[in-house]
PDB file of N, CA and C in Angstrom:
ATOM      1  N   MET A   1      36.828-200.494  69.466  1.00  0.00           N
ATOM      2  CA  MET A   1      36.592-201.703  70.205  1.00  0.00           C
ATOM      3  C   MET A   1      37.470-202.799  69.616  1.00  0.00           C
ATOM      4  N   THR A   2      38.206-203.484  70.443  1.00  0.00           N
ATOM      5  CA  THR A   2      39.052-204.583  70.009  1.00  0.00           C
ATOM      6  C   THR A   2      38.483-205.874  70.548  1.00  0.00           C
ATOM      7  N   LEU A   3      38.357-206.850  69.677  1.00  0.00           N
ATOM      8  CA  LEU A   3      37.853-208.157  70.071  1.00  0.00           C
ATOM      9  C   LEU A   3      39.015-209.123  70.172  1.00  0.00           C
ATOM     10  N   TRP A   4      39.124-209.834  71.285  1.00  0.00           N
ATOM     11  CA  TRP A   4      40.189-210.810  71.466  1.00  0.00           C
ATOM     12  C   TRP A   4      39.576-212.145  71.835  1.00  0.00           C
ATOM     13  N   MET A   5      40.115-213.187  71.258  1.00  0.00           N
ATOM     14  CA  MET A   5      39.670-214.541  71.568  1.00  0.00           C
ATOM     15  C   MET A   5      40.579-215.115  72.654  1.00  0.00           C
ATOM     16  N   ALA A   6      40.145-216.205  73.264  1.00  0.00           N
ATOM     17  CA  ALA A   6      40.905-216.826  74.344  1.00  0.00           C
ATOM     18  C   ALA A   6      42.236-217.370  73.867  1.00  0.00           C
ATOM     19  N   HIS A   7      42.299-217.854  72.649  1.00  0.00           N
ATOM     20  CA  HIS A   7      43.538-218.423  72.120  1.00  0.00           C
ATOM     21  C   HIS A   7      44.141-217.470  71.101  1.00  0.00           C
ATOM     22  N   ARG A   8      45.430-217.277  71.190  1.00  0.00           N
ATOM     23  CA  ARG A   8      46.099-216.343  70.304  1.00  0.00           C
ATOM     24  C   ARG A   8      45.869-216.679  68.831  1.00  0.00           C
ATOM     25  N   GLU A   9      45.840-217.945  68.479  1.00  0.00           N
ATOM     26  CA  GLU A   9      45.637-218.354  67.100  1.00  0.00           C
ATOM     27  C   GLU A   9      44.270-217.893  66.569  1.00  0.00           C
ATOM     28  N   SER A  10      43.350-217.628  67.445  1.00  0.00           N
ATOM     29  CA  SER A  10      41.992-217.267  67.045  1.00  0.00           C
ATOM     30  C   SER A  10      41.814-215.772  66.806  1.00  0.00           C
ATOM     31  N   THR A  11      42.781-214.942  67.161  1.00  0.00           N
ATOM     32  CA  THR A  11      42.586-213.500  67.041  1.00  0.00           C
ATOM     33  C   THR A  11      42.533-213.046  65.593  1.00  0.00           C
ATOM     34  N   ARG A  12      43.267-213.665  64.722  1.00  0.00           N
ATOM     35  CA  ARG A  12      43.309-213.216  63.328  1.00  0.00           C
ATOM     36  C   ARG A  12      41.938-213.238  62.661  1.00  0.00           C
ATOM     37  N   PRO A  13      41.181-214.338  62.730  1.00  0.00           N
ATOM     38  CA  PRO A  13      39.867-214.310  62.083  1.00  0.00           C
ATOM     39  C   PRO A  13      38.941-213.229  62.644  1.00  0.00           C
ATOM     40  N   VAL A  14      38.958-213.046  63.961  1.00  0.00           N
ATOM     41  CA  VAL A  14      38.089-212.032  64.565  1.00  0.00           C
ATOM     42  C   VAL A  14      38.530-210.642  64.128  1.00  0.00           C
ATOM     43  N   MET A  15      39.834-210.373  64.160  1.00  0.00           N
ATOM     44  CA  MET A  15      40.331-209.072  63.752  1.00  0.00           C
ATOM     45  C   MET A  15      40.060-208.838  62.265  1.00  0.00           C
ATOM     46  N   GLN A  16      40.162-209.886  61.444  1.00  0.00           N
ATOM     47  CA  GLN A  16      39.864-209.763  60.021  1.00  0.00           C
ATOM     48  C   GLN A  16      38.390-209.409  59.814  1.00  0.00           C
ATOM     49  N   GLU A  17      37.501-210.048  60.563  1.00  0.00           N
ATOM     50  CA  GLU A  17      36.075-209.740  60.459  1.00  0.00           C
ATOM     51  C   GLU A  17      35.811-208.289  60.853  1.00  0.00           C
ATOM     52  N   LYS A  18      36.483-207.822  61.900  1.00  0.00           N
ATOM     53  CA  LYS A  18      36.324-206.433  62.343  1.00  0.00           C
ATOM     54  C   LYS A  18      36.784-205.484  61.241  1.00  0.00           C
ATOM     55  N   LYS A  19      37.921-205.793  60.626  1.00  0.00           N
ATOM     56  CA  LYS A  19      38.439-204.945  59.551  1.00  0.00           C
ATOM     57  C   LYS A  19      37.464-204.909  58.381  1.00  0.00           C
ATOM     58  N   GLN A  20      36.900-206.056  58.019  1.00  0.00           N
ATOM     59  CA  GLN A  20      35.941-206.108  56.922  1.00  0.00           C
ATOM     60  C   GLN A  20      34.692-205.298  57.257  1.00  0.00           C
ATOM     61  N   LEU A  21      34.242-205.354  58.505  1.00  0.00           N
ATOM     62  CA  LEU A  21      33.074-204.585  58.931  1.00  0.00           C
ATOM     63  C   LEU A  21      33.365-203.092  58.830  1.00  0.00           C
ATOM     64  N   ILE A  22      34.546-202.682  59.280  1.00  0.00           N
ATOM     65  CA  ILE A  22      34.927-201.268  59.204  1.00  0.00           C
ATOM     66  C   ILE A  22      34.989-200.828  57.750  1.00  0.00           C
ATOM     67  N   GLU A  23      35.603-201.650  56.884  1.00  0.00           N
ATOM     68  CA  GLU A  23      35.700-201.287  55.475  1.00  0.00           C
ATOM     69  C   GLU A  23      34.323-201.193  54.825  1.00  0.00           C
ATOM     70  N   ALA A  24      33.424-202.123  55.155  1.00  0.00           N
ATOM     71  CA  ALA A  24      32.077-202.088  54.593  1.00  0.00           C
ATOM     72  C   ALA A  24      31.338-200.837  55.057  1.00  0.00           C
ATOM     73  N   THR A  25      31.491-200.491  56.334  1.00  0.00           N
ATOM     74  CA  THR A  25      30.854-199.288  56.873  1.00  0.00           C
ATOM     75  C   THR A  25      31.410-198.050  56.183  1.00  0.00           C
ATOM     76  N   TRP A  26      32.736-198.030  55.972  1.00  0.00           N
ATOM     77  CA  TRP A  26      33.355-196.885  55.313  1.00  0.00           C
ATOM     78  C   TRP A  26      32.868-196.776  53.879  1.00  0.00           C
ATOM     79  N   GLN A  27      32.756-197.878  53.167  1.00  0.00           N
ATOM     80  CA  GLN A  27      32.270-197.835  51.790  1.00  0.00           C
ATOM     81  C   GLN A  27      30.867-197.236  51.734  1.00  0.00           C
ATOM     82  N   ASN A  28      30.005-197.607  52.678  1.00  0.00           N
ATOM     83  CA  ASN A  28      28.666-197.028  52.727  1.00  0.00           C
ATOM     84  C   ASN A  28      28.735-195.531  52.994  1.00  0.00           C
ATOM     85  N   SER A  29      29.620-195.114  53.879  1.00  0.00           N
ATOM     86  CA  SER A  29      29.777-193.695  54.188  1.00  0.00           C
ATOM     87  C   SER A  29      30.302-192.937  52.980  1.00  0.00           C
ATOM     88  N   LEU A  30      31.263-193.528  52.283  1.00  0.00           N
ATOM     89  CA  LEU A  30      31.831-192.901  51.097  1.00  0.00           C
ATOM     90  C   LEU A  30      30.774-192.753  50.015  1.00  0.00           C
ATOM     91  N   GLN A  31      29.959-193.769  49.830  1.00  0.00           N
ATOM     92  CA  GLN A  31      28.878-193.694  48.848  1.00  0.00           C
ATOM     93  C   GLN A  31      27.889-192.598  49.234  1.00  0.00           C
ATOM     94  N   SER A  32      27.585-192.479  50.512  1.00  0.00           N
ATOM     95  CA  SER A  32      26.672-191.434  50.977  1.00  0.00           C
ATOM     96  C   SER A  32      27.244-190.052  50.696  1.00  0.00           C
ATOM     97  N   LEU A  33      28.559-189.919  50.825  1.00  0.00           N
ATOM     98  CA  LEU A  33      29.218-188.640  50.585  1.00  0.00           C
ATOM     99  C   LEU A  33      29.035-188.181  49.147  1.00  0.00           C
ATOM    100  N   VAL A  34      29.174-189.097  48.195  1.00  0.00           N
ATOM    101  CA  VAL A  34      29.155-188.703  46.790  1.00  0.00           C
ATOM    102  C   VAL A  34      27.767-188.704  46.169  1.00  0.00           C
ATOM    103  N   ILE A  35      26.776-189.280  46.857  1.00  0.00           N
ATOM    104  CA  ILE A  35      25.413-189.249  46.325  1.00  0.00           C
ATOM    105  C   ILE A  35      24.961-187.792  46.256  1.00  0.00           C
ATOM    106  N   GLY A  36      24.453-187.409  45.133  1.00  0.00           N
ATOM    107  CA  GLY A  36      23.971-186.048  44.971  1.00  0.00           C
ATOM    108  C   GLY A  36      25.007-185.100  44.394  1.00  0.00           C
ATOM    109  N   LEU A  37      26.267-185.500  44.394  1.00  0.00           N
ATOM    110  CA  LEU A  37      27.294-184.665  43.773  1.00  0.00           C
ATOM    111  C   LEU A  37      27.402-185.023  42.300  1.00  0.00           C
ATOM    112  N   LYS A  38      27.543-184.025  41.475  1.00  0.00           N
ATOM    113  CA  LYS A  38      27.766-184.268  40.058  1.00  0.00           C
ATOM    114  C   LYS A  38      29.239-184.581  39.863  1.00  0.00           C
ATOM    115  N   LEU A  39      29.537-185.519  38.951  1.00  0.00           N
ATOM    116  CA  LEU A  39      30.933-185.904  38.747  1.00  0.00           C
ATOM    117  C   LEU A  39      31.786-184.728  38.291  1.00  0.00           C
ATOM    118  N   SER A  40      31.198-183.764  37.607  1.00  0.00           N
ATOM    119  CA  SER A  40      31.979-182.631  37.117  1.00  0.00           C
ATOM    120  C   SER A  40      31.957-181.439  38.076  1.00  0.00           C
ATOM    121  N   GLU A  41      31.236-181.581  39.189  1.00  0.00           N
ATOM    122  CA  GLU A  41      31.132-180.488  40.147  1.00  0.00           C
ATOM    123  C   GLU A  41      32.473-180.248  40.832  1.00  0.00           C
ATOM    124  N   LEU A  42      32.936-179.007  40.802  1.00  0.00           N
ATOM    125  CA  LEU A  42      34.212-178.660  41.415  1.00  0.00           C
ATOM    126  C   LEU A  42      34.038-178.536  42.920  1.00  0.00           C
ATOM    127  N   LEU A  43      34.851-179.285  43.654  1.00  0.00           N
ATOM    128  CA  LEU A  43      34.811-179.280  45.115  1.00  0.00           C
ATOM    129  C   LEU A  43      36.082-178.641  45.649  1.00  0.00           C
ATOM    130  N   ARG A  44      36.002-178.102  46.864  1.00  0.00           N
ATOM    131  CA  ARG A  44      37.185-177.529  47.500  1.00  0.00           C
ATOM    132  C   ARG A  44      37.264-178.047  48.928  1.00  0.00           C
ATOM    133  N   PHE A  45      38.452-178.527  49.284  1.00  0.00           N
ATOM    134  CA  PHE A  45      38.736-178.901  50.660  1.00  0.00           C
ATOM    135  C   PHE A  45      39.723-177.880  51.207  1.00  0.00           C
ATOM    136  N   LYS A  46      39.481-177.438  52.433  1.00  0.00           N
ATOM    137  CA  LYS A  46      40.325-176.412  53.029  1.00  0.00           C
ATOM    138  C   LYS A  46      40.758-176.846  54.422  1.00  0.00           C
ATOM    139  N   CYS A  47      42.004-176.544  54.763  1.00  0.00           N
ATOM    140  CA  CYS A  47      42.552-176.832  56.092  1.00  0.00           C
ATOM    141  C   CYS A  47      43.148-175.535  56.627  1.00  0.00           C
ATOM    142  N   VAL A  48      42.875-175.259  57.890  1.00  0.00           N
ATOM    143  CA  VAL A  48      43.442-174.083  58.545  1.00  0.00           C
ATOM    144  C   VAL A  48      44.160-174.540  59.809  1.00  0.00           C
ATOM    145  N   ILE A  49      45.404-174.124  59.943  1.00  0.00           N
ATOM    146  CA  ILE A  49      46.197-174.394  61.145  1.00  0.00           C
ATOM    147  C   ILE A  49      46.342-173.065  61.868  1.00  0.00           C
ATOM    148  N   SER A  50      45.907-173.027  63.107  1.00  0.00           N
ATOM    149  CA  SER A  50      46.006-171.800  63.898  1.00  0.00           C
ATOM    150  C   SER A  50      46.876-172.058  65.119  1.00  0.00           C
ATOM    151  N   LEU A  51      47.658-171.067  65.455  1.00  0.00           N
ATOM    152  CA  LEU A  51      48.565-171.160  66.586  1.00  0.00           C
ATOM    153  C   LEU A  51      48.312-169.954  67.485  1.00  0.00           C
ATOM    154  N   ALA A  52      47.933-170.231  68.725  1.00  0.00           N
ATOM    155  CA  ALA A  52      47.710-169.159  69.702  1.00  0.00           C
ATOM    156  C   ALA A  52      48.931-169.069  70.602  1.00  0.00           C
ATOM    157  N   ASN A  53      49.380-167.839  70.853  1.00  0.00           N
ATOM    158  CA  ASN A  53      50.520-167.669  71.754  1.00  0.00           C
ATOM    159  C   ASN A  53      50.032-167.178  73.117  1.00  0.00           C
ATOM    160  N   PRO A  54      50.873-167.286  74.135  1.00  0.00           N
ATOM    161  CA  PRO A  54      50.461-166.901  75.495  1.00  0.00           C
ATOM    162  C   PRO A  54      50.046-165.440  75.626  1.00  0.00           C
ATOM    163  N   ALA A  55      50.537-164.578  74.750  1.00  0.00           N
ATOM    164  CA  ALA A  55      50.189-163.158  74.820  1.00  0.00           C
ATOM    165  C   ALA A  55      48.803-162.889  74.241  1.00  0.00           C
ATOM    166  N   GLY A  56      48.183-163.905  73.651  1.00  0.00           N
ATOM    167  CA  GLY A  56      46.835-163.733  73.125  1.00  0.00           C
ATOM    168  C   GLY A  56      46.761-163.598  71.620  1.00  0.00           C
ATOM    169  N   GLY A  57      47.888-163.560  70.976  1.00  0.00           N
ATOM    170  CA  GLY A  57      47.878-163.463  69.525  1.00  0.00           C
ATOM    171  C   GLY A  57      47.589-164.804  68.864  1.00  0.00           C
ATOM    172  N   VAL A  58      46.993-164.742  67.695  1.00  0.00           N
ATOM    173  CA  VAL A  58      46.690-165.955  66.934  1.00  0.00           C
ATOM    174  C   VAL A  58      47.175-165.766  65.507  1.00  0.00           C
ATOM    175  N   GLU A  59      47.891-166.767  65.033  1.00  0.00           N
ATOM    176  CA  GLU A  59      48.314-166.785  63.636  1.00  0.00           C
ATOM    177  C   GLU A  59      47.641-167.974  62.964  1.00  0.00           C
ATOM    178  N   SER A  60      47.143-167.773  61.752  1.00  0.00           N
ATOM    179  CA  SER A  60      46.475-168.845  61.020  1.00  0.00           C
ATOM    180  C   SER A  60      47.111-169.013  59.653  1.00  0.00           C
ATOM    181  N   PHE A  61      47.193-170.269  59.226  1.00  0.00           N
ATOM    182  CA  PHE A  61      47.786-170.632  57.944  1.00  0.00           C
ATOM    183  C   PHE A  61      46.844-171.609  57.269  1.00  0.00           C
ATOM    184  N   SER A  62      46.552-171.382  55.995  1.00  0.00           N
ATOM    185  CA  SER A  62      45.572-172.241  55.335  1.00  0.00           C
ATOM    186  C   SER A  62      46.113-172.818  54.039  1.00  0.00           C
ATOM    187  N   GLY A  63      45.471-173.872  53.630  1.00  0.00           N
ATOM    188  CA  GLY A  63      45.759-174.507  52.357  1.00  0.00           C
ATOM    189  C   GLY A  63      44.470-175.080  51.809  1.00  0.00           C
ATOM    190  N   SER A  64      44.349-175.127  50.500  1.00  0.00           N
ATOM    191  CA  SER A  64      43.142-175.692  49.905  1.00  0.00           C
ATOM    192  C   SER A  64      43.501-176.451  48.638  1.00  0.00           C
ATOM    193  N   VAL A  65      42.587-177.315  48.247  1.00  0.00           N
ATOM    194  CA  VAL A  65      42.739-178.060  47.006  1.00  0.00           C
ATOM    195  C   VAL A  65      41.357-178.175  46.377  1.00  0.00           C
ATOM    196  N   GLU A  66      41.318-178.022  45.075  1.00  0.00           N
ATOM    197  CA  GLU A  66      40.070-178.178  44.335  1.00  0.00           C
ATOM    198  C   GLU A  66      40.175-179.398  43.447  1.00  0.00           C
ATOM    199  N   GLY A  67      39.038-179.994  43.158  1.00  0.00           N
ATOM    200  CA  GLY A  67      39.021-181.167  42.305  1.00  0.00           C
ATOM    201  C   GLY A  67      37.606-181.677  42.116  1.00  0.00           C
ATOM    202  N   VAL A  68      37.514-182.867  41.551  1.00  0.00           N
ATOM    203  CA  VAL A  68      36.217-183.472  41.245  1.00  0.00           C
ATOM    204  C   VAL A  68      36.156-184.887  41.810  1.00  0.00           C
ATOM    205  N   ILE A  69      34.950-185.439  41.846  1.00  0.00           N
ATOM    206  CA  ILE A  69      34.725-186.806  42.291  1.00  0.00           C
ATOM    207  C   ILE A  69      34.898-187.743  41.098  1.00  0.00           C
ATOM    208  N   ALA A  70      35.641-188.824  41.288  1.00  0.00           N
ATOM    209  CA  ALA A  70      35.839-189.831  40.250  1.00  0.00           C
ATOM    210  C   ALA A  70      34.564-190.655  40.084  1.00  0.00           C
ATOM    211  N   ALA A  71      34.383-191.226  38.906  1.00  0.00           N
ATOM    212  CA  ALA A  71      33.208-192.051  38.635  1.00  0.00           C
ATOM    213  C   ALA A  71      33.170-193.278  39.539  1.00  0.00           C
ATOM    214  N   GLN A  72      34.350-193.821  39.875  1.00  0.00           N
ATOM    215  CA  GLN A  72      34.449-194.985  40.756  1.00  0.00           C
ATOM    216  C   GLN A  72      35.673-194.821  41.643  1.00  0.00           C
ATOM    217  N   PRO A  73      35.641-195.402  42.854  1.00  0.00           N
ATOM    218  CA  PRO A  73      36.837-195.364  43.696  1.00  0.00           C
ATOM    219  C   PRO A  73      38.008-196.044  42.988  1.00  0.00           C
ATOM    220  N   GLN A  74      39.187-195.423  43.090  1.00  0.00           N
ATOM    221  CA  GLN A  74      40.384-195.961  42.453  1.00  0.00           C
ATOM    222  C   GLN A  74      41.579-195.743  43.366  1.00  0.00           C
ATOM    223  N   GLY A  75      42.441-196.756  43.456  1.00  0.00           N
ATOM    224  CA  GLY A  75      43.671-196.637  44.227  1.00  0.00           C
ATOM    225  C   GLY A  75      43.550-197.217  45.615  1.00  0.00           C
ATOM    226  N   ASN A  76      44.717-197.477  46.213  1.00  0.00           N
ATOM    227  CA  ASN A  76      44.774-198.117  47.533  1.00  0.00           C
ATOM    228  C   ASN A  76      45.507-197.307  48.585  1.00  0.00           C
ATOM    229  N   ASN A  77      46.008-196.139  48.242  1.00  0.00           N
ATOM    230  CA  ASN A  77      46.764-195.335  49.197  1.00  0.00           C
ATOM    231  C   ASN A  77      45.853-194.334  49.895  1.00  0.00           C
ATOM    232  N   GLY A  78      46.343-193.777  50.972  1.00  0.00           N
ATOM    233  CA  GLY A  78      45.620-192.721  51.653  1.00  0.00           C
ATOM    234  C   GLY A  78      44.456-193.218  52.478  1.00  0.00           C
ATOM    235  N   PHE A  79      43.489-192.333  52.706  1.00  0.00           N
ATOM    236  CA  PHE A  79      42.338-192.640  53.548  1.00  0.00           C
ATOM    237  C   PHE A  79      41.201-191.698  53.174  1.00  0.00           C
ATOM    238  N   GLY A  80      40.085-191.883  53.819  1.00  0.00           N
ATOM    239  CA  GLY A  80      38.967-190.960  53.643  1.00  0.00           C
ATOM    240  C   GLY A  80      38.471-190.906  52.214  1.00  0.00           C
ATOM    241  N   TYR A  81      38.394-189.719  51.682  1.00  0.00           N
ATOM    242  CA  TYR A  81      37.874-189.522  50.330  1.00  0.00           C
ATOM    243  C   TYR A  81      38.932-189.733  49.244  1.00  0.00           C
ATOM    244  N   ASP A  82      40.162-190.089  49.612  1.00  0.00           N
ATOM    245  CA  ASP A  82      41.251-190.234  48.642  1.00  0.00           C
ATOM    246  C   ASP A  82      40.906-191.096  47.424  1.00  0.00           C
ATOM    247  N   PRO A  83      40.180-192.215  47.576  1.00  0.00           N
ATOM    248  CA  PRO A  83      39.882-193.039  46.393  1.00  0.00           C
ATOM    249  C   PRO A  83      38.923-192.394  45.392  1.00  0.00           C
ATOM    250  N   VAL A  84      38.213-191.343  45.788  1.00  0.00           N
ATOM    251  CA  VAL A  84      37.242-190.740  44.877  1.00  0.00           C
ATOM    252  C   VAL A  84      37.547-189.290  44.524  1.00  0.00           C
ATOM    253  N   PHE A  85      38.612-188.707  45.061  1.00  0.00           N
ATOM    254  CA  PHE A  85      38.913-187.295  44.806  1.00  0.00           C
ATOM    255  C   PHE A  85      40.063-187.152  43.822  1.00  0.00           C
ATOM    256  N   VAL A  86      39.786-186.461  42.716  1.00  0.00           N
ATOM    257  CA  VAL A  86      40.795-186.186  41.691  1.00  0.00           C
ATOM    258  C   VAL A  86      41.111-184.693  41.741  1.00  0.00           C
ATOM    259  N   PRO A  87      42.336-184.327  42.147  1.00  0.00           N
ATOM    260  CA  PRO A  87      42.687-182.906  42.213  1.00  0.00           C
ATOM    261  C   PRO A  87      42.643-182.257  40.824  1.00  0.00           C
ATOM    262  N   GLN A  88      42.251-181.011  40.800  1.00  0.00           N
ATOM    263  CA  GLN A  88      42.155-180.268  39.550  1.00  0.00           C
ATOM    264  C   GLN A  88      43.504-180.280  38.828  1.00  0.00           C
ATOM    265  N   GLY A  89      43.459-180.554  37.524  1.00  0.00           N
ATOM    266  CA  GLY A  89      44.673-180.602  36.723  1.00  0.00           C
ATOM    267  C   GLY A  89      45.344-181.962  36.708  1.00  0.00           C
ATOM    268  N   HIS A  90      44.750-182.948  37.370  1.00  0.00           N
ATOM    269  CA  HIS A  90      45.321-184.291  37.438  1.00  0.00           C
ATOM    270  C   HIS A  90      44.289-185.319  36.972  1.00  0.00           C
ATOM    271  N   THR A  91      44.768-186.506  36.666  1.00  0.00           N
ATOM    272  CA  THR A  91      43.877-187.570  36.204  1.00  0.00           C
ATOM    273  C   THR A  91      43.779-188.717  37.201  1.00  0.00           C
ATOM    274  N   GLU A  92      44.611-188.720  38.231  1.00  0.00           N
ATOM    275  CA  GLU A  92      44.601-189.776  39.241  1.00  0.00           C
ATOM    276  C   GLU A  92      43.932-189.281  40.509  1.00  0.00           C
ATOM    277  N   THR A  93      43.316-190.220  41.241  1.00  0.00           N
ATOM    278  CA  THR A  93      42.787-189.881  42.568  1.00  0.00           C
ATOM    279  C   THR A  93      43.954-189.762  43.533  1.00  0.00           C
ATOM    280  N   PHE A  94      43.701-189.153  44.684  1.00  0.00           N
ATOM    281  CA  PHE A  94      44.735-189.096  45.720  1.00  0.00           C
ATOM    282  C   PHE A  94      45.191-190.497  46.108  1.00  0.00           C
ATOM    283  N   ALA A  95      44.289-191.467  46.087  1.00  0.00           N
ATOM    284  CA  ALA A  95      44.635-192.839  46.483  1.00  0.00           C
ATOM    285  C   ALA A  95      45.538-193.530  45.475  1.00  0.00           C
ATOM    286  N   GLN A  96      45.645-192.992  44.273  1.00  0.00           N
ATOM    287  CA  GLN A  96      46.540-193.556  43.264  1.00  0.00           C
ATOM    288  C   GLN A  96      47.916-192.895  43.289  1.00  0.00           C
ATOM    289  N   MET A  97      48.039-191.812  44.007  1.00  0.00           N
ATOM    290  CA  MET A  97      49.295-191.056  44.056  1.00  0.00           C
ATOM    291  C   MET A  97      50.195-191.550  45.180  1.00  0.00           C
ATOM    292  N   SER A  98      51.471-191.226  45.046  1.00  0.00           N
ATOM    293  CA  SER A  98      52.396-191.502  46.146  1.00  0.00           C
ATOM    294  C   SER A  98      52.082-190.542  47.282  1.00  0.00           C
ATOM    295  N   ALA A  99      52.518-190.874  48.482  1.00  0.00           N
ATOM    296  CA  ALA A  99      52.299-190.002  49.636  1.00  0.00           C
ATOM    297  C   ALA A  99      52.951-188.637  49.409  1.00  0.00           C
ATOM    298  N   GLU A 100      54.121-188.631  48.804  1.00  0.00           N
ATOM    299  CA  GLU A 100      54.828-187.375  48.552  1.00  0.00           C
ATOM    300  C   GLU A 100      54.061-186.487  47.585  1.00  0.00           C
ATOM    301  N   GLN A 101      53.527-187.082  46.512  1.00  0.00           N
ATOM    302  CA  GLN A 101      52.774-186.301  45.530  1.00  0.00           C
ATOM    303  C   GLN A 101      51.495-185.756  46.164  1.00  0.00           C
ATOM    304  N   LYS A 102      50.802-186.596  46.920  1.00  0.00           N
ATOM    305  CA  LYS A 102      49.575-186.153  47.573  1.00  0.00           C
ATOM    306  C   LYS A 102      49.864-185.018  48.545  1.00  0.00           C
ATOM    307  N   ASP A 103      50.955-185.124  49.316  1.00  0.00           N
ATOM    308  CA  ASP A 103      51.294-184.095  50.304  1.00  0.00           C
ATOM    309  C   ASP A 103      51.507-182.728  49.666  1.00  0.00           C
ATOM    310  N   THR A 104      52.055-182.686  48.464  1.00  0.00           N
ATOM    311  CA  THR A 104      52.282-181.396  47.809  1.00  0.00           C
ATOM    312  C   THR A 104      50.986-180.797  47.271  1.00  0.00           C
ATOM    313  N   LEU A 105      49.971-181.634  47.040  1.00  0.00           N
ATOM    314  CA  LEU A 105      48.716-181.164  46.462  1.00  0.00           C
ATOM    315  C   LEU A 105      47.586-180.991  47.473  1.00  0.00           C
ATOM    316  N   SER A 106      47.631-181.725  48.567  1.00  0.00           N
ATOM    317  CA  SER A 106      46.490-181.765  49.493  1.00  0.00           C
ATOM    318  C   SER A 106      46.346-180.468  50.286  1.00  0.00           C
ATOM    319  N   HIS A 107      45.136-180.233  50.754  1.00  0.00           N
ATOM    320  CA  HIS A 107      44.865-179.051  51.574  1.00  0.00           C
ATOM    321  C   HIS A 107      45.664-179.084  52.866  1.00  0.00           C
ATOM    322  N   ARG A 108      45.844-180.272  53.448  1.00  0.00           N
ATOM    323  CA  ARG A 108      46.627-180.375  54.684  1.00  0.00           C
ATOM    324  C   ARG A 108      48.105-180.100  54.419  1.00  0.00           C
ATOM    325  N   GLY A 109      48.621-180.679  53.338  1.00  0.00           N
ATOM    326  CA  GLY A 109      50.018-180.458  52.979  1.00  0.00           C
ATOM    327  C   GLY A 109      50.301-179.000  52.695  1.00  0.00           C
ATOM    328  N   ARG A 110      49.382-178.342  52.007  1.00  0.00           N
ATOM    329  CA  ARG A 110      49.569-176.927  51.683  1.00  0.00           C
ATOM    330  C   ARG A 110      49.475-176.050  52.933  1.00  0.00           C
ATOM    331  N   ALA A 111      48.576-176.424  53.855  1.00  0.00           N
ATOM    332  CA  ALA A 111      48.480-175.667  55.110  1.00  0.00           C
ATOM    333  C   ALA A 111      49.757-175.832  55.938  1.00  0.00           C
ATOM    334  N   LEU A 112      50.288-177.051  55.987  1.00  0.00           N
ATOM    335  CA  LEU A 112      51.543-177.285  56.715  1.00  0.00           C
ATOM    336  C   LEU A 112      52.701-176.523  56.084  1.00  0.00           C
ATOM    337  N   LEU A 113      52.740-176.474  54.746  1.00  0.00           N
ATOM    338  CA  LEU A 113      53.784-175.713  54.069  1.00  0.00           C
ATOM    339  C   LEU A 113      53.663-174.231  54.408  1.00  0.00           C
ATOM    340  N   ALA A 114      52.449-173.699  54.373  1.00  0.00           N
ATOM    341  CA  ALA A 114      52.232-172.291  54.722  1.00  0.00           C
ATOM    342  C   ALA A 114      52.677-172.022  56.155  1.00  0.00           C
ATOM    343  N   PHE A 115      52.354-172.941  57.064  1.00  0.00           N
ATOM    344  CA  PHE A 115      52.766-172.799  58.467  1.00  0.00           C
ATOM    345  C   PHE A 115      54.291-172.838  58.592  1.00  0.00           C
ATOM    346  N   SER A 116      54.913-173.828  57.957  1.00  0.00           N
ATOM    347  CA  SER A 116      56.366-174.001  58.121  1.00  0.00           C
ATOM    348  C   SER A 116      57.168-172.869  57.499  1.00  0.00           C
ATOM    349  N   THR A 117      56.642-172.231  56.472  1.00  0.00           N
ATOM    350  CA  THR A 117      57.370-171.129  55.837  1.00  0.00           C
ATOM    351  C   THR A 117      56.940-169.758  56.354  1.00  0.00           C
ATOM    352  N   GLY A 118      55.753-169.676  56.961  1.00  0.00           N
ATOM    353  CA  GLY A 118      55.234-168.376  57.361  1.00  0.00           C
ATOM    354  C   GLY A 118      55.297-168.052  58.832  1.00  0.00           C
ATOM    355  N   TRP A 119      55.396-169.066  59.693  1.00  0.00           N
ATOM    356  CA  TRP A 119      55.382-168.803  61.128  1.00  0.00           C
ATOM    357  C   TRP A 119      56.717-168.247  61.580  1.00  0.00           C
ATOM    358  N   LYS A 120      56.653-167.164  62.289  1.00  0.00           N
ATOM    359  CA  LYS A 120      57.846-166.541  62.860  1.00  0.00           C
ATOM    360  C   LYS A 120      57.834-166.789  64.369  1.00  0.00           C
ATOM    361  N   ARG A 121      58.772-167.597  64.815  1.00  0.00           N
ATOM    362  CA  ARG A 121      58.845-167.908  66.254  1.00  0.00           C
ATOM    363  C   ARG A 121      59.177-166.643  67.037  1.00  0.00           C
ATOM    364  N   PRO A 122      58.421-166.386  68.120  1.00  0.00           N
ATOM    365  CA  PRO A 122      58.676-165.156  68.905  1.00  0.00           C
ATOM    366  C   PRO A 122      60.007-165.219  69.628  1.00  0.00           C
TER     367      PRO A 122
END
């Protein structure tokens, strides 16, 4: 939902309020996600990319990443759980990493790599 005011000069405060509301809602959702998880509990995120061809065949490519929840959200990059997820073997959250570093470690990045190197075009 986009809120617009009658005067162009007025849109910024309304849009800023909307952004703050979204961020506050997301923070509550993020807190709900980590409640009940132990900080040392190993988590796994998995992504599967499947491609169906007209002949009925399906090829699937997957990637996964394991890690733990940080004690507090850290970093400003990425989205979703990035501020609280620390990949195994690392000390920074995904939100503290560069996009390139995150892409090489993330479940989505690994699934895309598997797809790009494994798919054989008919």
